[in-house]
N, C-alpha and C. Protein backbone atom coordinates (compact mmCIF):
# COMPACT_ATOMS: atom_id res chain seq x y z
N MET A 1 95.08 128.92 98.02
CA MET A 1 95.31 127.50 97.98
C MET A 1 94.22 126.80 97.16
N LEU A 2 92.99 127.25 97.31
CA LEU A 2 91.90 126.66 96.54
C LEU A 2 91.41 127.66 95.51
N ASN A 3 91.03 127.16 94.35
CA ASN A 3 90.48 128.01 93.31
C ASN A 3 88.99 127.71 93.21
N ILE A 4 88.19 128.40 94.00
CA ILE A 4 86.74 128.18 94.01
C ILE A 4 86.11 129.17 93.05
N PRO A 5 85.26 128.66 92.14
CA PRO A 5 84.63 129.57 91.18
C PRO A 5 83.70 130.57 91.88
N ALA A 6 83.49 131.67 91.20
CA ALA A 6 82.63 132.71 91.75
C ALA A 6 81.16 132.30 91.72
N SER A 7 80.82 131.31 90.93
CA SER A 7 79.43 130.87 90.80
C SER A 7 79.06 129.95 91.96
N THR A 8 78.14 130.39 92.78
CA THR A 8 77.66 129.58 93.90
C THR A 8 76.95 128.34 93.39
N LEU A 9 76.25 128.45 92.28
CA LEU A 9 75.54 127.31 91.71
C LEU A 9 76.53 126.22 91.28
N ALA A 10 77.65 126.61 90.68
CA ALA A 10 78.65 125.62 90.26
C ALA A 10 79.23 124.89 91.47
N VAL A 11 79.47 125.62 92.55
CA VAL A 11 79.99 125.00 93.77
C VAL A 11 78.97 124.03 94.35
N CYS A 12 77.70 124.43 94.39
CA CYS A 12 76.64 123.56 94.93
C CYS A 12 76.48 122.29 94.10
N ILE A 13 76.50 122.43 92.79
CA ILE A 13 76.37 121.25 91.92
C ILE A 13 77.57 120.33 92.09
N GLY A 14 78.76 120.90 92.16
CA GLY A 14 79.96 120.09 92.37
C GLY A 14 79.93 119.34 93.69
N LEU A 15 79.53 120.01 94.76
CA LEU A 15 79.45 119.35 96.06
C LEU A 15 78.38 118.27 96.08
N PHE A 16 77.27 118.51 95.37
CA PHE A 16 76.22 117.49 95.30
C PHE A 16 76.76 116.22 94.65
N PHE A 17 77.46 116.36 93.53
CA PHE A 17 77.97 115.18 92.83
C PHE A 17 79.08 114.48 93.61
N VAL A 18 79.88 115.24 94.34
CA VAL A 18 80.89 114.61 95.20
C VAL A 18 80.21 113.79 96.28
N GLY A 19 79.20 114.34 96.93
CA GLY A 19 78.46 113.60 97.96
C GLY A 19 77.76 112.39 97.39
N PHE A 20 77.21 112.52 96.19
CA PHE A 20 76.54 111.38 95.55
C PHE A 20 77.53 110.26 95.27
N CYS A 21 78.68 110.61 94.72
CA CYS A 21 79.67 109.58 94.37
C CYS A 21 80.30 108.95 95.61
N LEU A 22 80.43 109.70 96.69
CA LEU A 22 81.00 109.13 97.91
C LEU A 22 80.10 108.05 98.51
N ASN A 23 78.81 108.18 98.34
CA ASN A 23 77.87 107.24 98.95
C ASN A 23 77.29 106.23 97.97
N ILE A 24 77.77 106.19 96.75
CA ILE A 24 77.18 105.32 95.75
C ILE A 24 77.47 103.84 96.02
N GLY A 25 78.54 103.53 96.72
CA GLY A 25 78.90 102.14 96.99
C GLY A 25 78.27 101.56 98.23
N TRP A 26 77.58 102.37 99.02
CA TRP A 26 77.02 101.89 100.28
C TRP A 26 76.03 100.74 100.12
N PRO A 27 75.11 100.75 99.17
CA PRO A 27 74.18 99.61 99.04
C PRO A 27 74.89 98.29 98.76
N ALA A 28 75.89 98.29 97.89
CA ALA A 28 76.63 97.06 97.61
C ALA A 28 77.43 96.63 98.83
N PHE A 29 77.94 97.59 99.55
CA PHE A 29 78.72 97.33 100.76
C PHE A 29 77.89 96.58 101.80
N THR A 30 76.65 97.00 101.99
CA THR A 30 75.80 96.35 102.98
C THR A 30 75.14 95.09 102.43
N ALA A 31 74.87 95.04 101.14
CA ALA A 31 74.19 93.88 100.56
C ALA A 31 75.10 92.66 100.53
N TYR A 32 76.40 92.85 100.38
CA TYR A 32 77.30 91.70 100.32
C TYR A 32 77.29 90.94 101.63
N GLY A 33 77.30 91.64 102.74
CA GLY A 33 77.23 90.97 104.04
C GLY A 33 75.94 90.19 104.23
N MET A 34 74.85 90.72 103.71
CA MET A 34 73.56 90.02 103.79
C MET A 34 73.56 88.76 102.93
N ALA A 35 74.26 88.80 101.82
CA ALA A 35 74.26 87.67 100.89
C ALA A 35 75.09 86.50 101.42
N VAL A 36 76.11 86.78 102.19
CA VAL A 36 77.01 85.71 102.64
C VAL A 36 76.73 85.25 104.06
N SER A 37 75.71 85.79 104.70
CA SER A 37 75.41 85.39 106.07
C SER A 37 73.91 85.23 106.25
N ASP A 38 73.53 84.67 107.39
CA ASP A 38 72.11 84.57 107.72
C ASP A 38 71.77 85.64 108.76
N SER A 39 70.54 85.63 109.22
CA SER A 39 70.11 86.68 110.14
C SER A 39 70.83 86.61 111.49
N LYS A 40 71.31 85.44 111.85
CA LYS A 40 71.99 85.30 113.13
C LYS A 40 73.44 85.82 113.07
N THR A 41 74.10 85.61 111.95
CA THR A 41 75.51 86.01 111.83
C THR A 41 75.71 87.32 111.07
N TYR A 42 74.63 87.94 110.58
CA TYR A 42 74.79 89.18 109.82
C TYR A 42 75.44 90.30 110.63
N PRO A 43 75.07 90.51 111.90
CA PRO A 43 75.74 91.60 112.63
C PRO A 43 77.26 91.41 112.72
N ILE A 44 77.69 90.18 112.88
CA ILE A 44 79.13 89.93 112.95
C ILE A 44 79.78 90.18 111.59
N ALA A 45 79.15 89.68 110.52
CA ALA A 45 79.69 89.89 109.18
C ALA A 45 79.74 91.37 108.84
N SER A 46 78.69 92.09 109.19
CA SER A 46 78.64 93.52 108.91
C SER A 46 79.73 94.27 109.68
N SER A 47 79.95 93.89 110.93
CA SER A 47 80.98 94.58 111.71
C SER A 47 82.38 94.29 111.19
N ILE A 48 82.62 93.08 110.70
CA ILE A 48 83.93 92.75 110.13
C ILE A 48 84.16 93.54 108.84
N ILE A 49 83.14 93.61 107.98
CA ILE A 49 83.26 94.37 106.73
C ILE A 49 83.48 95.86 107.04
N ASN A 50 82.73 96.38 108.00
CA ASN A 50 82.85 97.79 108.38
C ASN A 50 84.22 98.08 108.98
N SER A 51 84.72 97.17 109.80
CA SER A 51 86.05 97.37 110.40
C SER A 51 87.14 97.38 109.34
N GLY A 52 87.01 96.51 108.34
CA GLY A 52 87.99 96.51 107.25
C GLY A 52 87.98 97.81 106.48
N GLY A 53 86.79 98.33 106.20
CA GLY A 53 86.70 99.61 105.50
C GLY A 53 87.26 100.76 106.32
N ASN A 54 86.96 100.77 107.61
CA ASN A 54 87.49 101.83 108.47
C ASN A 54 89.00 101.73 108.64
N LEU A 55 89.51 100.52 108.68
CA LEU A 55 90.96 100.34 108.79
C LEU A 55 91.66 100.90 107.55
N GLY A 56 91.08 100.65 106.38
CA GLY A 56 91.65 101.22 105.16
C GLY A 56 91.61 102.73 105.16
N GLY A 57 90.52 103.30 105.66
CA GLY A 57 90.40 104.75 105.75
C GLY A 57 91.35 105.36 106.76
N PHE A 58 91.80 104.56 107.72
CA PHE A 58 92.75 105.03 108.72
C PHE A 58 94.19 104.92 108.22
N VAL A 59 94.50 103.83 107.54
CA VAL A 59 95.88 103.55 107.13
C VAL A 59 96.26 104.30 105.85
N ALA A 60 95.32 104.45 104.91
CA ALA A 60 95.64 105.04 103.61
C ALA A 60 96.24 106.45 103.69
N PRO A 61 95.68 107.37 104.47
CA PRO A 61 96.32 108.70 104.53
C PRO A 61 97.72 108.66 105.14
N MET A 62 97.92 107.77 106.11
CA MET A 62 99.26 107.67 106.70
C MET A 62 100.26 107.10 105.70
N ALA A 63 99.82 106.10 104.91
CA ALA A 63 100.70 105.53 103.88
C ALA A 63 101.01 106.58 102.82
N ALA A 64 100.00 107.36 102.43
CA ALA A 64 100.22 108.41 101.44
C ALA A 64 101.20 109.46 101.97
N GLY A 65 101.03 109.86 103.21
CA GLY A 65 101.94 110.84 103.81
C GLY A 65 103.35 110.31 103.92
N PHE A 66 103.48 109.04 104.31
CA PHE A 66 104.81 108.43 104.41
C PHE A 66 105.51 108.41 103.05
N LEU A 67 104.78 107.96 102.02
CA LEU A 67 105.37 107.91 100.68
C LEU A 67 105.73 109.31 100.18
N LEU A 68 104.88 110.26 100.47
CA LEU A 68 105.15 111.64 100.04
C LEU A 68 106.37 112.20 100.76
N ASP A 69 106.50 111.92 102.05
CA ASP A 69 107.68 112.38 102.79
C ASP A 69 108.96 111.72 102.29
N GLN A 70 108.88 110.45 101.95
CA GLN A 70 110.08 109.72 101.53
C GLN A 70 110.53 110.11 100.12
N THR A 71 109.57 110.32 99.22
CA THR A 71 109.93 110.57 97.82
C THR A 71 109.79 112.04 97.41
N GLY A 72 108.94 112.78 98.10
CA GLY A 72 108.72 114.18 97.73
C GLY A 72 107.88 114.36 96.49
N SER A 73 107.23 113.28 96.03
CA SER A 73 106.45 113.34 94.81
C SER A 73 105.16 112.54 94.97
N PHE A 74 104.11 113.05 94.37
CA PHE A 74 102.84 112.33 94.40
C PHE A 74 102.83 111.14 93.44
N ASN A 75 103.82 111.05 92.56
CA ASN A 75 103.86 109.92 91.62
C ASN A 75 103.93 108.59 92.35
N SER A 76 104.73 108.51 93.39
CA SER A 76 104.84 107.26 94.15
C SER A 76 103.54 106.95 94.88
N VAL A 77 102.85 107.98 95.36
CA VAL A 77 101.58 107.76 96.06
C VAL A 77 100.54 107.19 95.10
N PHE A 78 100.40 107.81 93.93
CA PHE A 78 99.42 107.32 92.96
C PHE A 78 99.80 105.95 92.42
N THR A 79 101.08 105.71 92.24
CA THR A 79 101.53 104.39 91.78
C THR A 79 101.20 103.32 92.81
N TYR A 80 101.49 103.60 94.07
CA TYR A 80 101.21 102.65 95.15
C TYR A 80 99.72 102.32 95.23
N PHE A 81 98.88 103.34 95.23
CA PHE A 81 97.44 103.08 95.34
C PHE A 81 96.87 102.47 94.07
N GLY A 82 97.48 102.75 92.93
CA GLY A 82 97.08 102.06 91.69
C GLY A 82 97.39 100.58 91.75
N ILE A 83 98.56 100.25 92.28
CA ILE A 83 98.93 98.84 92.45
C ILE A 83 98.00 98.17 93.45
N CYS A 84 97.67 98.86 94.54
CA CYS A 84 96.72 98.31 95.53
C CYS A 84 95.36 98.06 94.89
N ALA A 85 94.90 98.98 94.05
CA ALA A 85 93.62 98.79 93.37
C ALA A 85 93.67 97.61 92.41
N ALA A 86 94.78 97.44 91.71
CA ALA A 86 94.92 96.30 90.79
C ALA A 86 94.93 94.98 91.56
N ILE A 87 95.62 94.94 92.69
CA ILE A 87 95.62 93.74 93.52
C ILE A 87 94.22 93.45 94.03
N GLY A 88 93.50 94.48 94.45
CA GLY A 88 92.12 94.30 94.90
C GLY A 88 91.23 93.76 93.79
N LEU A 89 91.42 94.23 92.57
CA LEU A 89 90.64 93.73 91.44
C LEU A 89 90.92 92.26 91.20
N VAL A 90 92.18 91.86 91.26
CA VAL A 90 92.53 90.45 91.06
C VAL A 90 91.92 89.58 92.16
N VAL A 91 91.97 90.05 93.39
CA VAL A 91 91.38 89.30 94.50
C VAL A 91 89.87 89.14 94.30
N ILE A 92 89.20 90.21 93.89
CA ILE A 92 87.75 90.15 93.67
C ILE A 92 87.42 89.19 92.54
N LEU A 93 88.23 89.17 91.49
CA LEU A 93 87.96 88.28 90.37
C LEU A 93 88.07 86.81 90.75
N PHE A 94 88.89 86.49 91.74
CA PHE A 94 89.08 85.10 92.14
C PHE A 94 88.24 84.68 93.34
N LEU A 95 87.39 85.56 93.85
CA LEU A 95 86.52 85.19 94.97
C LEU A 95 85.48 84.19 94.50
N ASP A 96 85.20 83.23 95.34
CA ASP A 96 84.17 82.24 95.05
C ASP A 96 82.85 82.74 95.64
N GLU A 97 81.96 83.19 94.78
CA GLU A 97 80.68 83.74 95.23
C GLU A 97 79.71 82.64 95.63
N PRO A 98 78.99 82.82 96.72
CA PRO A 98 77.96 81.83 97.09
C PRO A 98 76.79 81.89 96.11
N GLN A 99 76.20 80.75 95.86
CA GLN A 99 75.07 80.70 94.91
C GLN A 99 73.75 80.85 95.59
């Protein structure tokens, strides 16, 4: 099922970069909550942001599985998540940032 190279070094380097890329957004994720709140409301803002991220991580695999079961093709899954990413980009572009 998996085609893992015989080189242990290649596997280690690949896993390192996957781990690096998975955590690269964490500073921006936490800094945004600090920028839009004060010290009294930061825990609430952080928990709301974290809950939204966890909700997406919970719903996305189920949506992908549903689309895959209904269509039998990954094309619909990638199209759906591409559209979701485009909508997210448009929403981010129209956000009013605090000064």
